[in-house]
Amino acid sequence: MHADRITREHLDALHGFLKKHTDQLLALHQVGTEEHRSALALETAVDMTRDDVHGSLTYDTDLDRDLESRRDAWNRLRRFALPWQDDPDFDTSRWPRAKYIPLRAAEERLPAQDRTVEGSRP
């Protein structure tokens, strides 16, 4: 999936999936234990990464650097979910790896006759 196709619905579903699991981990372990601290650290990382993607969607600029940042944050959030990929609720088709090819790079790959020169008519 291209980074510009990620929606809030994708984000909310993936984040909800992860929160379900981190909440379970936190509930299983007593506050102050290493296990609880580890689960809390994972939950914090998940929430911060979700915030990065959400911010990118909220302030969508379509600039290469912003779409690359969205791609990276989305893929990081996905990687947090990979240990649960055998869970029946894990949705590979809804949470694919994001990619983004900057427009300049895509144009460089086009044959010369497919490029339009600025100011010319196709």
N, C-alpha and C. Protein backbone atom coordinates (compact mmCIF):
# COMPACT_ATOMS: atom_id res chain seq x y z
N MET A 1 0.85 -1.16 0.00
CA MET A 1 0.00 0.00 0.00
C MET A 1 0.91 1.23 0.00
N HIS A 2 0.53 2.23 -0.76
CA HIS A 2 1.28 3.48 -0.77
C HIS A 2 0.96 4.28 0.48
N ALA A 3 1.93 5.00 0.97
CA ALA A 3 1.77 5.77 2.21
C ALA A 3 0.61 6.75 2.14
N ASP A 4 0.32 7.27 0.95
CA ASP A 4 -0.78 8.24 0.85
C ASP A 4 -2.16 7.57 0.88
N ARG A 5 -2.21 6.25 0.92
CA ARG A 5 -3.48 5.51 1.00
C ARG A 5 -3.83 5.09 2.43
N ILE A 6 -2.94 5.31 3.37
CA ILE A 6 -3.23 4.98 4.77
C ILE A 6 -4.31 5.93 5.28
N THR A 7 -5.31 5.36 5.93
CA THR A 7 -6.42 6.17 6.44
C THR A 7 -6.46 6.08 7.97
N ARG A 8 -7.27 6.93 8.55
CA ARG A 8 -7.47 6.85 10.01
C ARG A 8 -8.10 5.53 10.39
N GLU A 9 -8.94 4.98 9.51
CA GLU A 9 -9.56 3.69 9.80
C GLU A 9 -8.50 2.58 9.89
N HIS A 10 -7.54 2.60 8.97
CA HIS A 10 -6.42 1.64 9.04
C HIS A 10 -5.69 1.81 10.37
N LEU A 11 -5.39 3.06 10.69
CA LEU A 11 -4.63 3.36 11.90
C LEU A 11 -5.39 2.95 13.15
N ASP A 12 -6.67 3.29 13.21
CA ASP A 12 -7.46 2.96 14.40
C ASP A 12 -7.57 1.44 14.58
N ALA A 13 -7.73 0.71 13.49
CA ALA A 13 -7.84 -0.75 13.59
C ALA A 13 -6.53 -1.37 14.09
N LEU A 14 -5.41 -0.95 13.52
CA LEU A 14 -4.12 -1.51 13.93
C LEU A 14 -3.80 -1.10 15.37
N HIS A 15 -4.02 0.14 15.70
CA HIS A 15 -3.76 0.61 17.06
C HIS A 15 -4.66 -0.11 18.06
N GLY A 16 -5.93 -0.30 17.71
CA GLY A 16 -6.84 -1.02 18.60
C GLY A 16 -6.40 -2.45 18.84
N PHE A 17 -5.93 -3.10 17.78
CA PHE A 17 -5.41 -4.47 17.90
C PHE A 17 -4.24 -4.50 18.87
N LEU A 18 -3.32 -3.58 18.71
CA LEU A 18 -2.15 -3.54 19.59
C LEU A 18 -2.52 -3.19 21.03
N LYS A 19 -3.44 -2.24 21.21
CA LYS A 19 -3.85 -1.86 22.56
C LYS A 19 -4.52 -3.02 23.29
N LYS A 20 -5.29 -3.82 22.56
CA LYS A 20 -5.91 -4.98 23.19
C LYS A 20 -4.84 -5.88 23.80
N HIS A 21 -3.76 -6.08 23.08
CA HIS A 21 -2.70 -6.96 23.56
C HIS A 21 -1.86 -6.31 24.66
N THR A 22 -1.55 -5.04 24.52
CA THR A 22 -0.75 -4.41 25.57
C THR A 22 -1.57 -4.26 26.86
N ASP A 23 -2.86 -4.01 26.73
CA ASP A 23 -3.71 -3.94 27.93
C ASP A 23 -3.74 -5.28 28.65
N GLN A 24 -3.81 -6.37 27.88
CA GLN A 24 -3.79 -7.71 28.48
C GLN A 24 -2.48 -7.96 29.21
N LEU A 25 -1.38 -7.56 28.59
CA LEU A 25 -0.07 -7.73 29.23
C LEU A 25 0.03 -6.94 30.52
N LEU A 26 -0.44 -5.71 30.49
CA LEU A 26 -0.39 -4.87 31.70
C LEU A 26 -1.24 -5.46 32.82
N ALA A 27 -2.39 -6.01 32.47
CA ALA A 27 -3.29 -6.59 33.48
C ALA A 27 -2.72 -7.87 34.09
N LEU A 28 -1.89 -8.57 33.35
CA LEU A 28 -1.34 -9.83 33.83
C LEU A 28 -0.23 -9.66 34.87
N HIS A 29 0.38 -8.49 34.88
CA HIS A 29 1.56 -8.31 35.73
C HIS A 29 1.37 -7.19 36.74
N GLN A 30 1.87 -7.43 37.92
CA GLN A 30 1.75 -6.47 39.01
C GLN A 30 2.62 -5.24 38.73
N VAL A 31 2.08 -4.08 39.04
CA VAL A 31 2.81 -2.82 38.88
C VAL A 31 4.14 -2.91 39.62
N GLY A 32 5.18 -2.45 38.97
CA GLY A 32 6.51 -2.44 39.58
C GLY A 32 7.37 -3.62 39.17
N THR A 33 6.76 -4.66 38.59
CA THR A 33 7.57 -5.80 38.15
C THR A 33 8.22 -5.47 36.81
N GLU A 34 9.26 -6.21 36.50
CA GLU A 34 9.93 -6.00 35.21
C GLU A 34 8.99 -6.28 34.04
N GLU A 35 8.13 -7.27 34.20
CA GLU A 35 7.19 -7.61 33.13
C GLU A 35 6.21 -6.45 32.90
N HIS A 36 5.73 -5.86 33.98
CA HIS A 36 4.80 -4.74 33.84
C HIS A 36 5.51 -3.54 33.20
N ARG A 37 6.73 -3.30 33.65
CA ARG A 37 7.50 -2.18 33.06
C ARG A 37 7.73 -2.41 31.56
N SER A 38 8.03 -3.64 31.18
CA SER A 38 8.25 -3.96 29.76
C SER A 38 6.97 -3.75 28.96
N ALA A 39 5.85 -4.21 29.50
CA ALA A 39 4.56 -4.03 28.81
C ALA A 39 4.22 -2.54 28.70
N LEU A 40 4.50 -1.79 29.75
CA LEU A 40 4.25 -0.35 29.73
C LEU A 40 5.14 0.36 28.70
N ALA A 41 6.38 -0.07 28.61
CA ALA A 41 7.29 0.50 27.61
C ALA A 41 6.77 0.21 26.19
N LEU A 42 6.30 -1.02 25.96
CA LEU A 42 5.75 -1.38 24.65
C LEU A 42 4.51 -0.53 24.36
N GLU A 43 3.63 -0.40 25.33
CA GLU A 43 2.42 0.40 25.13
C GLU A 43 2.77 1.85 24.81
N THR A 44 3.75 2.40 25.51
CA THR A 44 4.17 3.77 25.26
C THR A 44 4.73 3.93 23.85
N ALA A 45 5.55 2.98 23.42
CA ALA A 45 6.11 3.02 22.06
C ALA A 45 5.00 2.92 21.02
N VAL A 46 4.04 2.05 21.25
CA VAL A 46 2.90 1.89 20.33
C VAL A 46 2.13 3.21 20.24
N ASP A 47 1.82 3.80 21.40
CA ASP A 47 1.04 5.05 21.41
C ASP A 47 1.79 6.19 20.74
N MET A 48 3.08 6.30 20.99
CA MET A 48 3.86 7.37 20.38
C MET A 48 3.94 7.20 18.86
N THR A 49 4.08 5.97 18.41
CA THR A 49 4.15 5.72 16.97
C THR A 49 2.80 5.98 16.33
N ARG A 50 1.73 5.60 17.01
CA ARG A 50 0.38 5.90 16.52
C ARG A 50 0.22 7.41 16.38
N ASP A 51 0.72 8.17 17.36
CA ASP A 51 0.62 9.62 17.30
C ASP A 51 1.38 10.19 16.10
N ASP A 52 2.51 9.59 15.76
CA ASP A 52 3.27 10.03 14.58
C ASP A 52 2.46 9.85 13.30
N VAL A 53 1.83 8.69 13.16
CA VAL A 53 1.01 8.43 11.97
C VAL A 53 -0.19 9.37 11.97
N HIS A 54 -0.85 9.50 13.11
CA HIS A 54 -2.04 10.35 13.21
C HIS A 54 -1.71 11.79 12.84
N GLY A 55 -0.59 12.30 13.36
CA GLY A 55 -0.17 13.66 13.03
C GLY A 55 0.07 13.83 11.54
N SER A 56 0.65 12.83 10.93
CA SER A 56 0.91 12.88 9.50
C SER A 56 -0.39 12.91 8.70
N LEU A 57 -1.39 12.18 9.17
CA LEU A 57 -2.69 12.17 8.49
C LEU A 57 -3.45 13.48 8.72
N THR A 58 -3.29 14.04 9.90
CA THR A 58 -3.99 15.28 10.25
C THR A 58 -3.44 16.47 9.47
N TYR A 59 -2.13 16.53 9.34
CA TYR A 59 -1.48 17.64 8.65
C TYR A 59 -0.87 17.15 7.34
N ASP A 60 -1.69 16.57 6.50
CA ASP A 60 -1.26 15.96 5.25
C ASP A 60 -0.75 17.03 4.28
N THR A 61 0.50 16.90 3.87
CA THR A 61 1.10 17.89 2.96
C THR A 61 1.40 17.32 1.59
N ASP A 62 1.46 16.01 1.44
CA ASP A 62 1.87 15.34 0.20
C ASP A 62 3.32 15.62 -0.18
N LEU A 63 4.10 16.20 0.71
CA LEU A 63 5.52 16.39 0.45
C LEU A 63 6.23 15.06 0.61
N ASP A 64 7.25 14.84 -0.19
CA ASP A 64 7.99 13.58 -0.14
C ASP A 64 8.44 13.25 1.28
N ARG A 65 9.03 14.20 1.96
CA ARG A 65 9.58 13.91 3.30
C ARG A 65 8.48 13.53 4.28
N ASP A 66 7.29 14.14 4.14
CA ASP A 66 6.19 13.84 5.05
C ASP A 66 5.59 12.46 4.76
N LEU A 67 5.49 12.11 3.49
CA LEU A 67 4.98 10.78 3.14
C LEU A 67 5.99 9.70 3.52
N GLU A 68 7.26 10.00 3.39
CA GLU A 68 8.28 9.04 3.82
C GLU A 68 8.21 8.85 5.33
N SER A 69 7.98 9.92 6.06
CA SER A 69 7.85 9.85 7.51
C SER A 69 6.62 9.02 7.89
N ARG A 70 5.51 9.24 7.18
CA ARG A 70 4.30 8.45 7.43
C ARG A 70 4.56 6.97 7.16
N ARG A 71 5.23 6.70 6.04
CA ARG A 71 5.56 5.32 5.71
C ARG A 71 6.38 4.67 6.82
N ASP A 72 7.39 5.37 7.28
CA ASP A 72 8.27 4.81 8.30
C ASP A 72 7.53 4.57 9.62
N ALA A 73 6.69 5.53 10.02
CA ALA A 73 5.95 5.37 11.28
C ALA A 73 4.92 4.23 11.15
N TRP A 74 4.23 4.15 10.03
CA TRP A 74 3.26 3.07 9.82
C TRP A 74 3.95 1.71 9.87
N ASN A 75 5.06 1.59 9.17
CA ASN A 75 5.77 0.30 9.15
C ASN A 75 6.32 -0.06 10.53
N ARG A 76 6.71 0.93 11.30
CA ARG A 76 7.16 0.69 12.68
C ARG A 76 5.99 0.16 13.52
N LEU A 77 4.81 0.78 13.38
CA LEU A 77 3.62 0.33 14.12
C LEU A 77 3.26 -1.10 13.72
N ARG A 78 3.34 -1.40 12.44
CA ARG A 78 3.09 -2.76 11.95
C ARG A 78 4.03 -3.77 12.58
N ARG A 79 5.30 -3.39 12.68
CA ARG A 79 6.29 -4.32 13.25
C ARG A 79 5.98 -4.64 14.70
N PHE A 80 5.39 -3.70 15.44
CA PHE A 80 4.98 -4.00 16.81
C PHE A 80 3.94 -5.12 16.84
N ALA A 81 3.13 -5.23 15.81
CA ALA A 81 2.05 -6.23 15.77
C ALA A 81 2.51 -7.59 15.26
N LEU A 82 3.65 -7.67 14.61
CA LEU A 82 4.08 -8.92 13.99
C LEU A 82 4.18 -10.12 14.93
N PRO A 83 4.55 -9.96 16.21
CA PRO A 83 4.57 -11.12 17.09
C PRO A 83 3.19 -11.79 17.24
N TRP A 84 2.13 -11.05 16.92
CA TRP A 84 0.77 -11.59 17.03
C TRP A 84 0.19 -11.93 15.67
N GLN A 85 1.03 -12.14 14.66
CA GLN A 85 0.50 -12.39 13.32
C GLN A 85 -0.28 -13.70 13.21
N ASP A 86 -0.13 -14.61 14.17
CA ASP A 86 -0.93 -15.83 14.15
C ASP A 86 -2.26 -15.65 14.88
N ASP A 87 -2.49 -14.47 15.45
CA ASP A 87 -3.77 -14.15 16.10
C ASP A 87 -4.85 -14.04 15.02
N PRO A 88 -6.03 -14.61 15.25
CA PRO A 88 -7.08 -14.55 14.23
C PRO A 88 -7.52 -13.13 13.87
N ASP A 89 -7.28 -12.16 14.75
CA ASP A 89 -7.66 -10.77 14.46
C ASP A 89 -6.58 -9.99 13.71
N PHE A 90 -5.41 -10.60 13.53
CA PHE A 90 -4.35 -9.92 12.77
C PHE A 90 -4.80 -9.85 11.31
N ASP A 91 -4.80 -8.66 10.75
CA ASP A 91 -5.35 -8.45 9.40
C ASP A 91 -4.26 -8.02 8.42
N THR A 92 -3.61 -8.99 7.83
CA THR A 92 -2.51 -8.72 6.90
C THR A 92 -2.96 -7.86 5.73
N SER A 93 -4.14 -8.12 5.20
CA SER A 93 -4.60 -7.36 4.03
C SER A 93 -4.94 -5.91 4.39
N ARG A 94 -5.37 -5.67 5.60
CA ARG A 94 -5.72 -4.31 6.01
C ARG A 94 -4.52 -3.53 6.52
N TRP A 95 -3.49 -4.25 6.96
CA TRP A 95 -2.30 -3.61 7.51
C TRP A 95 -1.05 -4.00 6.73
N PRO A 96 -1.04 -3.77 5.42
CA PRO A 96 0.15 -4.15 4.64
C PRO A 96 1.31 -3.20 4.90
N ARG A 97 2.46 -3.63 4.49
CA ARG A 97 3.65 -2.78 4.58
C ARG A 97 3.45 -1.59 3.65
N ALA A 98 3.72 -0.41 4.14
CA ALA A 98 3.56 0.81 3.34
C ALA A 98 4.83 1.07 2.55
N LYS A 99 4.64 1.63 1.38
CA LYS A 99 5.78 2.03 0.55
C LYS A 99 5.49 3.41 0.00
N TYR A 100 6.52 4.07 -0.39
CA TYR A 100 6.37 5.38 -1.02
C TYR A 100 7.57 5.61 -1.91
N ILE A 101 7.29 5.87 -3.17
CA ILE A 101 8.35 6.23 -4.10
C ILE A 101 8.16 7.71 -4.40
N PRO A 102 9.13 8.53 -4.03
CA PRO A 102 8.98 9.96 -4.31
C PRO A 102 8.71 10.20 -5.79
N LEU A 103 7.90 11.18 -6.08
CA LEU A 103 7.51 11.48 -7.44
C LEU A 103 8.72 11.68 -8.34
N ARG A 104 9.74 12.35 -7.84
CA ARG A 104 10.93 12.59 -8.67
C ARG A 104 11.55 11.27 -9.10
N ALA A 105 11.63 10.32 -8.20
CA ALA A 105 12.23 9.02 -8.53
C ALA A 105 11.36 8.28 -9.53
N ALA A 106 10.05 8.37 -9.40
CA ALA A 106 9.15 7.70 -10.33
C ALA A 106 9.28 8.30 -11.71
N GLU A 107 9.39 9.63 -11.79
CA GLU A 107 9.53 10.29 -13.09
C GLU A 107 10.83 9.91 -13.79
N GLU A 108 11.89 9.71 -13.02
CA GLU A 108 13.18 9.36 -13.61
C GLU A 108 13.13 7.99 -14.27
N ARG A 109 12.20 7.14 -13.84
CA ARG A 109 12.10 5.80 -14.42
C ARG A 109 11.22 5.75 -15.67
N LEU A 110 10.48 6.83 -15.95
CA LEU A 110 9.61 6.85 -17.12
C LEU A 110 10.43 6.98 -18.40
N PRO A 111 10.00 6.33 -19.47
CA PRO A 111 10.66 6.56 -20.75
C PRO A 111 10.53 8.03 -21.15
N ALA A 112 11.48 8.52 -21.89
CA ALA A 112 11.53 9.94 -22.26
C ALA A 112 10.23 10.41 -22.91
N GLN A 113 9.61 9.60 -23.76
CA GLN A 113 8.40 10.04 -24.44
C GLN A 113 7.21 10.17 -23.50
N ASP A 114 7.27 9.58 -22.30
CA ASP A 114 6.18 9.68 -21.34
C ASP A 114 6.30 10.91 -20.44
N ARG A 115 7.42 11.58 -20.49
CA ARG A 115 7.62 12.77 -19.66
C ARG A 115 7.13 13.99 -20.42
N THR A 116 6.54 14.90 -19.73
CA THR A 116 6.16 16.14 -20.38
C THR A 116 7.13 17.21 -19.93
N VAL A 117 7.54 18.03 -20.85
CA VAL A 117 8.43 19.14 -20.54
C VAL A 117 7.57 20.29 -20.06
N GLU A 118 8.01 20.94 -19.01
CA GLU A 118 7.25 22.05 -18.46
C GLU A 118 6.98 23.07 -19.55
N GLY A 119 5.71 23.45 -19.67
CA GLY A 119 5.34 24.44 -20.67
C GLY A 119 4.95 23.82 -22.00
N SER A 120 5.18 22.53 -22.21
CA SER A 120 4.80 21.89 -23.48
C SER A 120 3.47 21.19 -23.29
N ARG A 121 2.85 20.87 -24.39
CA ARG A 121 1.59 20.13 -24.36
C ARG A 121 1.88 18.66 -24.61
N PRO A 122 1.16 17.79 -23.93
CA PRO A 122 1.37 16.34 -24.12
C PRO A 122 0.95 15.89 -25.50
